[in-house]
Amino acid sequence: MKKRLALILPAALLLSAFVIAGSGRSNNEIPAPPAIGATIEDFTLPDVEGTNRTLASLKGKNGSVILFIAVQCPVSNAYNERMEQLAQDFKAKGINVIGINSNSTEDAGAVKAHAAQHKLSFVILKDSGNKIADRLGAKVTPEAYFLDANNKLVYHGRIDNSKDPAGVNSSELREALTLVLSGKPVEKTNATSFGCTIKRG
């Protein structure tokens, strides 16, 4: 029995080492995000129904907001109502919100159920393999990218300054949208995102 344990334990430790090593990349290995003013090229991802959608087909006439979101992240979930309200407030003004789920641990079925449960009306895409998260240098959920009508990145970062709605006193994303619609330059183009690390494969 002791001999069998001696053989089993090293094998188990080796297996656990592989599981840990294969759990994803660190933030240091993720490409840097595009610079403010960079043009974001069109991309294609499937929605939660499996239908391929392009950025070009989803953007509004005045731009688009890409939000990296999650099913299980408590920080992302704290923003569900605010993200939906943002989508509703700006859709009529020609800016569409596009959700992207890049977590390798959350499949399209879970993303679809989550959207229905929380009444998220904006399109959510599934980024298997983290291709778009890597292209945009996204690290956490939620994390926002605001592209103008010409797909130029004009704001990148958090939605606002507090997970708790009662603590919000700086709404950088909403301010950026309002300024662009008024024909004015965005004053604060970056604000550090906070949330749960995107689970890369």
N, C-alpha and C. Protein backbone atom coordinates (compact mmCIF):
# COMPACT_ATOMS: atom_id res chain seq x y z
N MET A 1 0.83 -1.21 0.00
CA MET A 1 0.00 0.00 0.00
C MET A 1 0.87 1.26 0.00
N LYS A 2 1.92 1.25 0.86
CA LYS A 2 2.82 2.41 0.92
C LYS A 2 3.49 2.65 -0.41
N LYS A 3 3.84 1.53 -1.09
CA LYS A 3 4.51 1.65 -2.38
C LYS A 3 3.56 2.26 -3.42
N ARG A 4 2.29 1.84 -3.35
CA ARG A 4 1.31 2.39 -4.29
C ARG A 4 1.10 3.88 -4.05
N LEU A 5 1.03 4.27 -2.77
CA LEU A 5 0.88 5.69 -2.45
C LEU A 5 2.07 6.50 -2.93
N ALA A 6 3.24 5.91 -2.80
CA ALA A 6 4.47 6.59 -3.23
C ALA A 6 4.44 6.85 -4.73
N LEU A 7 3.79 5.97 -5.48
CA LEU A 7 3.68 6.16 -6.92
C LEU A 7 2.56 7.12 -7.29
N ILE A 8 1.44 7.03 -6.54
CA ILE A 8 0.26 7.84 -6.85
C ILE A 8 0.48 9.32 -6.53
N LEU A 9 1.09 9.61 -5.37
CA LEU A 9 1.24 11.01 -4.94
C LEU A 9 2.04 11.87 -5.92
N PRO A 10 3.22 11.41 -6.39
CA PRO A 10 3.94 12.23 -7.36
C PRO A 10 3.14 12.47 -8.64
N ALA A 11 2.39 11.44 -9.07
CA ALA A 11 1.58 11.59 -10.28
C ALA A 11 0.48 12.63 -10.06
N ALA A 12 -0.14 12.60 -8.87
CA ALA A 12 -1.19 13.57 -8.56
C ALA A 12 -0.63 14.98 -8.49
N LEU A 13 0.55 15.12 -7.90
CA LEU A 13 1.18 16.45 -7.81
C LEU A 13 1.54 16.97 -9.19
N LEU A 14 2.01 16.07 -10.04
CA LEU A 14 2.37 16.46 -11.41
C LEU A 14 1.13 16.92 -12.17
N LEU A 15 0.02 16.20 -11.99
CA LEU A 15 -1.23 16.55 -12.67
C LEU A 15 -1.72 17.91 -12.19
N SER A 16 -1.66 18.16 -10.87
CA SER A 16 -2.12 19.45 -10.35
C SER A 16 -1.26 20.58 -10.87
N ALA A 17 0.02 20.31 -11.07
CA ALA A 17 0.92 21.34 -11.61
C ALA A 17 0.51 21.71 -13.03
N PHE A 18 0.12 20.71 -13.82
CA PHE A 18 -0.33 20.97 -15.18
C PHE A 18 -1.63 21.77 -15.18
N VAL A 19 -2.55 21.44 -14.26
CA VAL A 19 -3.82 22.15 -14.19
C VAL A 19 -3.58 23.62 -13.86
N ILE A 20 -2.70 23.87 -12.88
CA ILE A 20 -2.39 25.25 -12.50
C ILE A 20 -1.72 25.98 -13.64
N ALA A 21 -0.75 25.34 -14.28
CA ALA A 21 -0.01 25.98 -15.36
C ALA A 21 -0.90 26.28 -16.54
N GLY A 22 -1.92 25.45 -16.75
CA GLY A 22 -2.79 25.64 -17.92
C GLY A 22 -4.01 26.49 -17.64
N SER A 23 -4.07 27.16 -16.46
CA SER A 23 -5.28 27.88 -16.09
C SER A 23 -5.38 29.26 -16.72
N GLY A 24 -4.37 29.67 -17.47
CA GLY A 24 -4.46 30.96 -18.15
C GLY A 24 -3.18 31.75 -18.04
N ARG A 25 -3.16 32.89 -18.75
CA ARG A 25 -1.97 33.74 -18.76
C ARG A 25 -2.08 34.84 -17.72
N SER A 26 -0.95 35.31 -17.28
CA SER A 26 -0.96 36.42 -16.34
C SER A 26 -1.18 37.72 -17.11
N ASN A 27 -1.54 38.78 -16.37
CA ASN A 27 -1.77 40.08 -17.00
C ASN A 27 -0.53 40.59 -17.71
N ASN A 28 0.65 40.18 -17.26
CA ASN A 28 1.89 40.64 -17.88
C ASN A 28 2.07 40.09 -19.30
N GLU A 29 1.36 39.00 -19.61
CA GLU A 29 1.49 38.38 -20.93
C GLU A 29 0.45 38.89 -21.92
N ILE A 30 -0.47 39.72 -21.46
CA ILE A 30 -1.53 40.22 -22.32
C ILE A 30 -1.03 41.45 -23.07
N PRO A 31 -1.29 41.53 -24.38
CA PRO A 31 -0.83 42.69 -25.15
C PRO A 31 -1.36 43.99 -24.59
N ALA A 32 -0.63 45.07 -24.79
CA ALA A 32 -1.08 46.39 -24.34
C ALA A 32 -2.29 46.82 -25.16
N PRO A 33 -3.20 47.57 -24.56
CA PRO A 33 -4.37 48.04 -25.32
C PRO A 33 -3.96 49.05 -26.39
N PRO A 34 -4.79 49.22 -27.42
CA PRO A 34 -4.50 50.23 -28.44
C PRO A 34 -4.43 51.62 -27.81
N ALA A 35 -3.68 52.48 -28.42
CA ALA A 35 -3.58 53.86 -27.93
C ALA A 35 -4.87 54.62 -28.23
N ILE A 36 -5.17 55.59 -27.40
CA ILE A 36 -6.30 56.47 -27.69
C ILE A 36 -6.07 57.13 -29.04
N GLY A 37 -7.09 57.10 -29.88
CA GLY A 37 -6.97 57.64 -31.23
C GLY A 37 -6.72 56.58 -32.28
N ALA A 38 -6.37 55.36 -31.84
CA ALA A 38 -6.14 54.26 -32.79
C ALA A 38 -7.48 53.80 -33.37
N THR A 39 -7.44 53.38 -34.63
CA THR A 39 -8.64 52.85 -35.27
C THR A 39 -8.74 51.36 -34.99
N ILE A 40 -9.89 50.92 -34.51
CA ILE A 40 -10.13 49.51 -34.20
C ILE A 40 -10.70 48.84 -35.43
N GLU A 41 -9.98 47.85 -35.94
CA GLU A 41 -10.43 47.15 -37.15
C GLU A 41 -11.66 46.30 -36.87
N ASP A 42 -12.43 46.11 -37.93
CA ASP A 42 -13.64 45.28 -37.82
C ASP A 42 -13.27 43.87 -37.38
N PHE A 43 -14.18 43.24 -36.65
CA PHE A 43 -13.98 41.85 -36.24
C PHE A 43 -15.31 41.11 -36.28
N THR A 44 -15.22 39.79 -36.24
CA THR A 44 -16.41 38.94 -36.26
C THR A 44 -16.36 37.98 -35.08
N LEU A 45 -17.47 37.90 -34.34
CA LEU A 45 -17.61 36.95 -33.24
C LEU A 45 -19.03 36.42 -33.25
N PRO A 46 -19.25 35.20 -32.75
CA PRO A 46 -20.61 34.69 -32.65
C PRO A 46 -21.35 35.29 -31.45
N ASP A 47 -22.66 35.51 -31.62
CA ASP A 47 -23.46 35.92 -30.47
C ASP A 47 -23.85 34.67 -29.68
N VAL A 48 -24.70 34.83 -28.68
CA VAL A 48 -25.03 33.69 -27.81
C VAL A 48 -25.90 32.65 -28.52
N GLU A 49 -26.44 33.01 -29.68
CA GLU A 49 -27.21 32.05 -30.48
C GLU A 49 -26.31 31.31 -31.48
N GLY A 50 -25.04 31.73 -31.56
CA GLY A 50 -24.12 31.11 -32.49
C GLY A 50 -24.05 31.79 -33.85
N THR A 51 -24.76 32.91 -34.00
CA THR A 51 -24.75 33.66 -35.26
C THR A 51 -23.56 34.61 -35.30
N ASN A 52 -22.77 34.57 -36.37
CA ASN A 52 -21.62 35.46 -36.48
C ASN A 52 -22.08 36.89 -36.68
N ARG A 53 -21.49 37.80 -35.91
CA ARG A 53 -21.83 39.22 -35.99
C ARG A 53 -20.52 40.01 -36.15
N THR A 54 -20.60 41.10 -36.89
CA THR A 54 -19.42 41.95 -37.07
C THR A 54 -19.58 43.23 -36.28
N LEU A 55 -18.45 43.83 -35.94
CA LEU A 55 -18.49 45.13 -35.28
C LEU A 55 -19.20 46.14 -36.18
N ALA A 56 -18.91 46.08 -37.48
CA ALA A 56 -19.51 47.02 -38.43
C ALA A 56 -21.03 46.95 -38.43
N SER A 57 -21.57 45.75 -38.26
CA SER A 57 -23.03 45.59 -38.29
C SER A 57 -23.69 45.99 -36.98
N LEU A 58 -22.92 46.03 -35.90
CA LEU A 58 -23.49 46.30 -34.58
C LEU A 58 -23.30 47.74 -34.11
N LYS A 59 -22.33 48.45 -34.68
CA LYS A 59 -22.05 49.81 -34.22
C LYS A 59 -23.19 50.76 -34.56
N GLY A 60 -23.32 51.80 -33.77
CA GLY A 60 -24.31 52.83 -34.04
C GLY A 60 -23.75 53.89 -34.97
N LYS A 61 -24.60 54.77 -35.46
CA LYS A 61 -24.13 55.80 -36.41
C LYS A 61 -23.16 56.77 -35.75
N ASN A 62 -23.23 56.89 -34.42
CA ASN A 62 -22.32 57.79 -33.71
C ASN A 62 -21.26 57.06 -32.89
N GLY A 63 -21.22 55.74 -33.03
CA GLY A 63 -20.18 54.99 -32.34
C GLY A 63 -20.68 53.76 -31.62
N SER A 64 -19.79 53.17 -30.85
CA SER A 64 -20.14 51.96 -30.11
C SER A 64 -19.33 51.87 -28.83
N VAL A 65 -19.92 51.21 -27.86
CA VAL A 65 -19.25 50.93 -26.59
C VAL A 65 -19.09 49.43 -26.47
N ILE A 66 -17.86 48.96 -26.38
CA ILE A 66 -17.60 47.54 -26.17
C ILE A 66 -17.37 47.35 -24.68
N LEU A 67 -18.17 46.46 -24.10
CA LEU A 67 -18.05 46.16 -22.67
C LEU A 67 -17.66 44.70 -22.49
N PHE A 68 -16.53 44.46 -21.86
CA PHE A 68 -16.15 43.09 -21.51
C PHE A 68 -16.85 42.77 -20.20
N ILE A 69 -17.69 41.73 -20.23
CA ILE A 69 -18.52 41.39 -19.09
C ILE A 69 -18.39 39.91 -18.74
N ALA A 70 -18.98 39.53 -17.62
CA ALA A 70 -18.85 38.15 -17.14
C ALA A 70 -20.17 37.66 -16.57
N VAL A 71 -20.27 36.35 -16.41
CA VAL A 71 -21.44 35.73 -15.81
C VAL A 71 -21.28 35.66 -14.29
N GLN A 72 -20.11 35.23 -13.83
CA GLN A 72 -19.91 34.93 -12.41
C GLN A 72 -19.20 36.03 -11.63
N CYS A 73 -18.66 37.01 -12.29
CA CYS A 73 -17.91 38.06 -11.59
C CYS A 73 -18.85 38.98 -10.80
N PRO A 74 -18.66 39.09 -9.48
CA PRO A 74 -19.55 39.96 -8.69
C PRO A 74 -19.42 41.44 -9.04
N VAL A 75 -18.26 41.86 -9.51
CA VAL A 75 -18.09 43.26 -9.89
C VAL A 75 -18.88 43.54 -11.17
N SER A 76 -18.70 42.69 -12.18
CA SER A 76 -19.45 42.84 -13.42
C SER A 76 -20.95 42.80 -13.14
N ASN A 77 -21.36 41.88 -12.30
CA ASN A 77 -22.79 41.76 -11.99
C ASN A 77 -23.34 42.98 -11.26
N ALA A 78 -22.50 43.64 -10.50
CA ALA A 78 -22.93 44.86 -9.81
C ALA A 78 -23.26 45.97 -10.81
N TYR A 79 -22.74 45.84 -12.03
CA TYR A 79 -22.96 46.84 -13.07
C TYR A 79 -24.06 46.46 -14.06
N ASN A 80 -24.71 45.32 -13.89
CA ASN A 80 -25.70 44.89 -14.88
C ASN A 80 -26.75 45.96 -15.17
N GLU A 81 -27.36 46.50 -14.14
CA GLU A 81 -28.41 47.50 -14.33
C GLU A 81 -27.84 48.77 -14.96
N ARG A 82 -26.65 49.18 -14.54
CA ARG A 82 -26.04 50.39 -15.10
C ARG A 82 -25.66 50.19 -16.57
N MET A 83 -25.18 49.00 -16.92
CA MET A 83 -24.84 48.73 -18.32
C MET A 83 -26.09 48.74 -19.19
N GLU A 84 -27.16 48.14 -18.69
CA GLU A 84 -28.41 48.12 -19.45
C GLU A 84 -28.97 49.53 -19.60
N GLN A 85 -28.90 50.31 -18.53
CA GLN A 85 -29.40 51.69 -18.60
C GLN A 85 -28.58 52.51 -19.60
N LEU A 86 -27.27 52.30 -19.60
CA LEU A 86 -26.40 52.99 -20.55
C LEU A 86 -26.80 52.65 -21.98
N ALA A 87 -27.05 51.36 -22.22
CA ALA A 87 -27.44 50.91 -23.56
C ALA A 87 -28.74 51.57 -23.99
N GLN A 88 -29.70 51.63 -23.08
CA GLN A 88 -31.00 52.22 -23.40
C GLN A 88 -30.89 53.74 -23.61
N ASP A 89 -30.11 54.40 -22.77
CA ASP A 89 -30.00 55.86 -22.85
C ASP A 89 -29.35 56.33 -24.14
N PHE A 90 -28.39 55.55 -24.64
CA PHE A 90 -27.61 56.04 -25.78
C PHE A 90 -27.96 55.40 -27.12
N LYS A 91 -28.77 54.36 -27.11
CA LYS A 91 -29.14 53.72 -28.38
C LYS A 91 -29.87 54.70 -29.29
N ALA A 92 -30.81 55.45 -28.71
CA ALA A 92 -31.57 56.42 -29.51
C ALA A 92 -30.69 57.57 -29.99
N LYS A 93 -29.52 57.73 -29.38
CA LYS A 93 -28.60 58.80 -29.76
C LYS A 93 -27.53 58.30 -30.72
N GLY A 94 -27.68 57.06 -31.17
CA GLY A 94 -26.78 56.54 -32.19
C GLY A 94 -25.51 55.89 -31.69
N ILE A 95 -25.48 55.51 -30.41
CA ILE A 95 -24.33 54.79 -29.86
C ILE A 95 -24.83 53.45 -29.31
N ASN A 96 -24.32 52.37 -29.86
CA ASN A 96 -24.76 51.03 -29.44
C ASN A 96 -23.77 50.40 -28.47
N VAL A 97 -24.30 49.72 -27.48
CA VAL A 97 -23.49 48.95 -26.53
C VAL A 97 -23.38 47.52 -27.04
N ILE A 98 -22.17 46.98 -27.01
CA ILE A 98 -21.89 45.60 -27.43
C ILE A 98 -21.17 44.90 -26.29
N GLY A 99 -21.75 43.85 -25.77
CA GLY A 99 -21.09 43.09 -24.72
C GLY A 99 -20.22 42.00 -25.32
N ILE A 100 -19.11 41.71 -24.66
CA ILE A 100 -18.24 40.60 -25.06
C ILE A 100 -17.88 39.79 -23.81
N ASN A 101 -18.11 38.49 -23.88
CA ASN A 101 -17.68 37.59 -22.81
C ASN A 101 -16.48 36.79 -23.32
N SER A 102 -15.34 36.98 -22.68
CA SER A 102 -14.10 36.30 -23.10
C SER A 102 -13.65 35.24 -22.11
N ASN A 103 -14.44 34.96 -21.10
CA ASN A 103 -14.04 33.99 -20.09
C ASN A 103 -14.11 32.56 -20.63
N SER A 104 -13.00 31.86 -20.54
CA SER A 104 -12.96 30.47 -21.02
C SER A 104 -13.81 29.55 -20.15
N THR A 105 -14.15 30.01 -18.95
CA THR A 105 -14.92 29.21 -17.99
C THR A 105 -16.42 29.39 -18.14
N GLU A 106 -16.86 30.25 -19.07
CA GLU A 106 -18.29 30.55 -19.23
C GLU A 106 -18.69 30.34 -20.69
N ASP A 107 -19.50 29.31 -20.95
CA ASP A 107 -19.86 29.02 -22.34
C ASP A 107 -21.04 29.88 -22.79
N ALA A 108 -21.35 29.79 -24.09
CA ALA A 108 -22.40 30.63 -24.67
C ALA A 108 -23.75 30.41 -24.00
N GLY A 109 -24.04 29.17 -23.61
CA GLY A 109 -25.30 28.88 -22.94
C GLY A 109 -25.43 29.61 -21.62
N ALA A 110 -24.33 29.65 -20.86
CA ALA A 110 -24.34 30.35 -19.58
C ALA A 110 -24.49 31.85 -19.78
N VAL A 111 -23.84 32.37 -20.83
CA VAL A 111 -23.91 33.80 -21.13
C VAL A 111 -25.34 34.18 -21.53
N LYS A 112 -25.97 33.34 -22.34
CA LYS A 112 -27.35 33.59 -22.78
C LYS A 112 -28.31 33.58 -21.59
N ALA A 113 -28.17 32.59 -20.71
CA ALA A 113 -29.05 32.49 -19.54
C ALA A 113 -28.85 33.69 -18.61
N HIS A 114 -27.61 34.09 -18.46
CA HIS A 114 -27.29 35.23 -17.59
C HIS A 114 -27.92 36.51 -18.14
N ALA A 115 -27.82 36.72 -19.45
CA ALA A 115 -28.40 37.91 -20.08
C ALA A 115 -29.92 37.95 -19.90
N ALA A 116 -30.56 36.79 -20.05
CA ALA A 116 -32.01 36.72 -19.88
C ALA A 116 -32.40 36.98 -18.43
N GLN A 117 -31.65 36.40 -17.50
CA GLN A 117 -31.94 36.57 -16.07
C GLN A 117 -31.86 38.03 -15.65
N HIS A 118 -30.86 38.74 -16.20
CA HIS A 118 -30.64 40.13 -15.79
C HIS A 118 -31.21 41.14 -16.78
N LYS A 119 -31.99 40.63 -17.75
CA LYS A 119 -32.68 41.50 -18.71
C LYS A 119 -31.72 42.44 -19.44
N LEU A 120 -30.62 41.87 -19.93
CA LEU A 120 -29.66 42.64 -20.72
C LEU A 120 -30.11 42.59 -22.18
N SER A 121 -30.46 43.73 -22.74
CA SER A 121 -31.04 43.76 -24.08
C SER A 121 -29.99 43.94 -25.18
N PHE A 122 -28.79 44.39 -24.82
CA PHE A 122 -27.77 44.62 -25.84
C PHE A 122 -27.15 43.30 -26.28
N VAL A 123 -26.62 43.29 -27.49
CA VAL A 123 -26.01 42.07 -28.05
C VAL A 123 -24.77 41.70 -27.26
N ILE A 124 -24.64 40.41 -26.95
CA ILE A 124 -23.45 39.91 -26.26
C ILE A 124 -22.79 38.86 -27.15
N LEU A 125 -21.51 39.03 -27.36
CA LEU A 125 -20.73 38.13 -28.21
C LEU A 125 -19.85 37.23 -27.37
N LYS A 126 -19.56 36.04 -27.89
CA LYS A 126 -18.70 35.09 -27.17
C LYS A 126 -17.33 35.06 -27.84
N ASP A 127 -16.32 35.44 -27.08
CA ASP A 127 -14.94 35.56 -27.58
C ASP A 127 -14.12 34.34 -27.17
N SER A 128 -14.41 33.21 -27.77
CA SER A 128 -13.66 31.99 -27.45
C SER A 128 -12.21 32.15 -27.90
N GLY A 129 -11.27 31.76 -27.03
CA GLY A 129 -9.86 31.91 -27.35
C GLY A 129 -9.32 33.30 -27.10
N ASN A 130 -10.19 34.19 -26.58
CA ASN A 130 -9.78 35.55 -26.17
C ASN A 130 -9.17 36.39 -27.29
N LYS A 131 -9.56 36.13 -28.53
CA LYS A 131 -8.94 36.84 -29.66
C LYS A 131 -9.14 38.36 -29.57
N ILE A 132 -10.37 38.78 -29.29
CA ILE A 132 -10.65 40.21 -29.25
C ILE A 132 -10.18 40.81 -27.92
N ALA A 133 -10.29 40.05 -26.84
CA ALA A 133 -9.76 40.53 -25.56
C ALA A 133 -8.26 40.80 -25.69
N ASP A 134 -7.56 39.89 -26.39
CA ASP A 134 -6.13 40.09 -26.59
C ASP A 134 -5.86 41.28 -27.50
N ARG A 135 -6.65 41.41 -28.57
CA ARG A 135 -6.43 42.51 -29.51
C ARG A 135 -6.61 43.87 -28.82
N LEU A 136 -7.59 43.92 -27.89
CA LEU A 136 -7.87 45.19 -27.21
C LEU A 136 -7.14 45.32 -25.88
N GLY A 137 -6.42 44.26 -25.49
CA GLY A 137 -5.67 44.33 -24.23
C GLY A 137 -6.57 44.35 -23.01
N ALA A 138 -7.76 43.76 -23.11
CA ALA A 138 -8.70 43.74 -21.99
C ALA A 138 -8.22 42.78 -20.91
N LYS A 139 -8.32 43.21 -19.66
CA LYS A 139 -7.83 42.40 -18.55
C LYS A 139 -8.91 42.00 -17.54
N VAL A 140 -9.93 42.84 -17.38
CA VAL A 140 -10.90 42.59 -16.31
C VAL A 140 -12.33 42.75 -16.82
N THR A 141 -13.27 42.33 -15.97
CA THR A 141 -14.69 42.60 -16.22
C THR A 141 -15.25 43.35 -15.02
N PRO A 142 -15.94 44.48 -15.27
CA PRO A 142 -16.21 45.08 -16.58
C PRO A 142 -15.05 45.98 -17.03
N GLU A 143 -14.89 46.11 -18.33
CA GLU A 143 -13.90 47.01 -18.92
C GLU A 143 -14.50 47.57 -20.21
N ALA A 144 -14.40 48.89 -20.39
CA ALA A 144 -15.11 49.57 -21.47
C ALA A 144 -14.16 50.18 -22.50
N TYR A 145 -14.59 50.12 -23.76
CA TYR A 145 -13.89 50.75 -24.88
C TYR A 145 -14.94 51.53 -25.68
N PHE A 146 -14.77 52.83 -25.79
CA PHE A 146 -15.70 53.65 -26.55
C PHE A 146 -15.06 54.04 -27.88
N LEU A 147 -15.70 53.62 -28.96
CA LEU A 147 -15.23 53.92 -30.31
C LEU A 147 -16.17 54.94 -30.94
N ASP A 148 -15.61 55.96 -31.59
CA ASP A 148 -16.46 56.96 -32.23
C ASP A 148 -17.02 56.43 -33.56
N ALA A 149 -17.66 57.29 -34.32
CA ALA A 149 -18.31 56.87 -35.56
C ALA A 149 -17.33 56.30 -36.58
N ASN A 150 -16.06 56.66 -36.45
CA ASN A 150 -15.02 56.17 -37.37
C ASN A 150 -14.20 55.03 -36.78
N ASN A 151 -14.73 54.43 -35.69
CA ASN A 151 -14.06 53.31 -34.99
C ASN A 151 -12.75 53.72 -34.34
N LYS A 152 -12.60 55.01 -34.05
CA LYS A 152 -11.40 55.45 -33.32
C LYS A 152 -11.66 55.35 -31.82
N LEU A 153 -10.69 54.81 -31.11
CA LEU A 153 -10.82 54.65 -29.67
C LEU A 153 -10.69 56.03 -29.00
N VAL A 154 -11.73 56.44 -28.30
CA VAL A 154 -11.70 57.75 -27.65
C VAL A 154 -11.74 57.66 -26.13
N TYR A 155 -12.11 56.48 -25.60
CA TYR A 155 -12.08 56.27 -24.15
C TYR A 155 -11.86 54.79 -23.86
N HIS A 156 -11.07 54.52 -22.84
CA HIS A 156 -10.83 53.14 -22.41
C HIS A 156 -10.72 53.11 -20.89
N GLY A 157 -11.46 52.22 -20.27
CA GLY A 157 -11.32 52.07 -18.82
C GLY A 157 -12.59 51.64 -18.13
N ARG A 158 -12.78 52.16 -16.94
CA ARG A 158 -13.92 51.77 -16.12
C ARG A 158 -15.20 52.47 -16.58
N ILE A 159 -16.32 51.96 -16.10
CA ILE A 159 -17.62 52.58 -16.38
C ILE A 159 -17.79 53.80 -15.48
N ASP A 160 -17.54 53.60 -14.22
CA ASP A 160 -17.54 54.70 -13.25
C ASP A 160 -16.60 54.31 -12.10
N ASN A 161 -16.64 55.04 -11.02
CA ASN A 161 -15.61 54.87 -9.99
C ASN A 161 -15.99 53.95 -8.84
N SER A 162 -17.19 53.36 -8.85
CA SER A 162 -17.59 52.56 -7.69
C SER A 162 -18.48 51.38 -8.05
N LYS A 163 -18.11 50.22 -7.52
CA LYS A 163 -18.96 49.03 -7.67
C LYS A 163 -20.34 49.28 -7.07
N ASP A 164 -20.38 49.99 -5.95
CA ASP A 164 -21.62 50.32 -5.27
C ASP A 164 -22.22 51.58 -5.89
N PRO A 165 -23.41 51.50 -6.47
CA PRO A 165 -24.01 52.68 -7.11
C PRO A 165 -24.08 53.90 -6.20
N ALA A 166 -24.24 53.66 -4.89
CA ALA A 166 -24.35 54.78 -3.95
C ALA A 166 -23.04 55.56 -3.83
N GLY A 167 -21.94 54.91 -4.21
CA GLY A 167 -20.64 55.56 -4.08
C GLY A 167 -20.14 56.23 -5.34
N VAL A 168 -20.95 56.24 -6.40
CA VAL A 168 -20.51 56.80 -7.68
C VAL A 168 -20.49 58.33 -7.63
N ASN A 169 -19.34 58.90 -7.90
CA ASN A 169 -19.26 60.36 -8.04
C ASN A 169 -18.45 60.76 -9.27
N SER A 170 -18.12 59.76 -10.10
CA SER A 170 -17.38 60.03 -11.33
C SER A 170 -17.76 58.98 -12.37
N SER A 171 -18.53 59.38 -13.37
CA SER A 171 -19.00 58.45 -14.41
C SER A 171 -18.27 58.73 -15.72
N GLU A 172 -17.03 58.24 -15.80
CA GLU A 172 -16.16 58.60 -16.93
C GLU A 172 -16.70 58.16 -18.28
N LEU A 173 -17.25 56.96 -18.36
CA LEU A 173 -17.74 56.47 -19.65
C LEU A 173 -18.92 57.30 -20.14
N ARG A 174 -19.89 57.52 -19.27
CA ARG A 174 -21.07 58.30 -19.63
C ARG A 174 -20.67 59.74 -20.02
N GLU A 175 -19.72 60.29 -19.30
CA GLU A 175 -19.24 61.64 -19.62
C GLU A 175 -18.59 61.68 -21.01
N ALA A 176 -17.81 60.64 -21.32
CA ALA A 176 -17.16 60.57 -22.63
C ALA A 176 -18.19 60.52 -23.75
N LEU A 177 -19.23 59.71 -23.57
CA LEU A 177 -20.28 59.60 -24.58
C LEU A 177 -20.98 60.94 -24.78
N THR A 178 -21.29 61.61 -23.69
CA THR A 178 -21.99 62.89 -23.77
C THR A 178 -21.16 63.95 -24.46
N LEU A 179 -19.87 63.96 -24.17
CA LEU A 179 -18.98 64.94 -24.80
C LEU A 179 -18.89 64.73 -26.31
N VAL A 180 -18.72 63.48 -26.73
CA VAL A 180 -18.61 63.18 -28.16
C VAL A 180 -19.90 63.56 -28.89
N LEU A 181 -21.04 63.27 -28.29
CA LEU A 181 -22.32 63.63 -28.91
C LEU A 181 -22.50 65.14 -29.01
N SER A 182 -21.82 65.87 -28.13
CA SER A 182 -21.88 67.33 -28.15
C SER A 182 -20.84 67.94 -29.07
N GLY A 183 -20.04 67.07 -29.72
CA GLY A 183 -19.00 67.56 -30.61
C GLY A 183 -17.76 68.06 -29.90
N LYS A 184 -17.61 67.67 -28.64
CA LYS A 184 -16.47 68.12 -27.85
C LYS A 184 -15.48 66.97 -27.63
N PRO A 185 -14.20 67.28 -27.43
CA PRO A 185 -13.23 66.22 -27.17
C PRO A 185 -13.42 65.61 -25.79
N VAL A 186 -13.08 64.33 -25.68
CA VAL A 186 -13.17 63.65 -24.38
C VAL A 186 -12.05 64.16 -23.49
N GLU A 187 -12.41 64.61 -22.30
CA GLU A 187 -11.43 65.20 -21.39
C GLU A 187 -10.60 64.13 -20.68
N LYS A 188 -11.27 63.09 -20.21
CA LYS A 188 -10.56 62.00 -19.52
C LYS A 188 -10.66 60.77 -20.40
N THR A 189 -9.58 60.43 -21.10
CA THR A 189 -9.62 59.35 -22.09
C THR A 189 -9.29 57.98 -21.50
N ASN A 190 -8.72 57.96 -20.30
CA ASN A 190 -8.40 56.69 -19.64
C ASN A 190 -8.75 56.78 -18.16
N ALA A 191 -9.30 55.70 -17.64
CA ALA A 191 -9.54 55.56 -16.20
C ALA A 191 -9.39 54.08 -15.88
N THR A 192 -8.51 53.77 -14.95
CA THR A 192 -8.16 52.38 -14.68
C THR A 192 -9.37 51.51 -14.34
N SER A 193 -9.50 50.41 -15.07
CA SER A 193 -10.60 49.47 -14.82
C SER A 193 -10.33 48.65 -13.57
N PHE A 194 -11.41 48.20 -12.93
CA PHE A 194 -11.28 47.29 -11.79
C PHE A 194 -12.36 46.22 -11.92
N GLY A 195 -12.06 45.03 -11.43
CA GLY A 195 -13.02 43.94 -11.53
C GLY A 195 -12.33 42.60 -11.44
N CYS A 196 -12.96 41.58 -12.04
CA CYS A 196 -12.41 40.23 -12.02
C CYS A 196 -11.55 40.00 -13.26
N THR A 197 -10.45 39.31 -13.08
CA THR A 197 -9.57 39.01 -14.19
C THR A 197 -10.28 38.14 -15.23
N ILE A 198 -10.14 38.50 -16.51
CA ILE A 198 -10.70 37.68 -17.58
C ILE A 198 -10.01 36.32 -17.55
N LYS A 199 -10.81 35.25 -17.55
CA LYS A 199 -10.27 33.89 -17.47
C LYS A 199 -9.88 33.41 -18.87
N ARG A 200 -8.62 33.55 -19.19
CA ARG A 200 -8.12 33.15 -20.51
C ARG A 200 -7.81 31.65 -20.52
N GLY A 201 -7.99 31.06 -21.70
CA GLY A 201 -7.76 29.63 -21.84
C GLY A 201 -6.29 29.29 -21.92
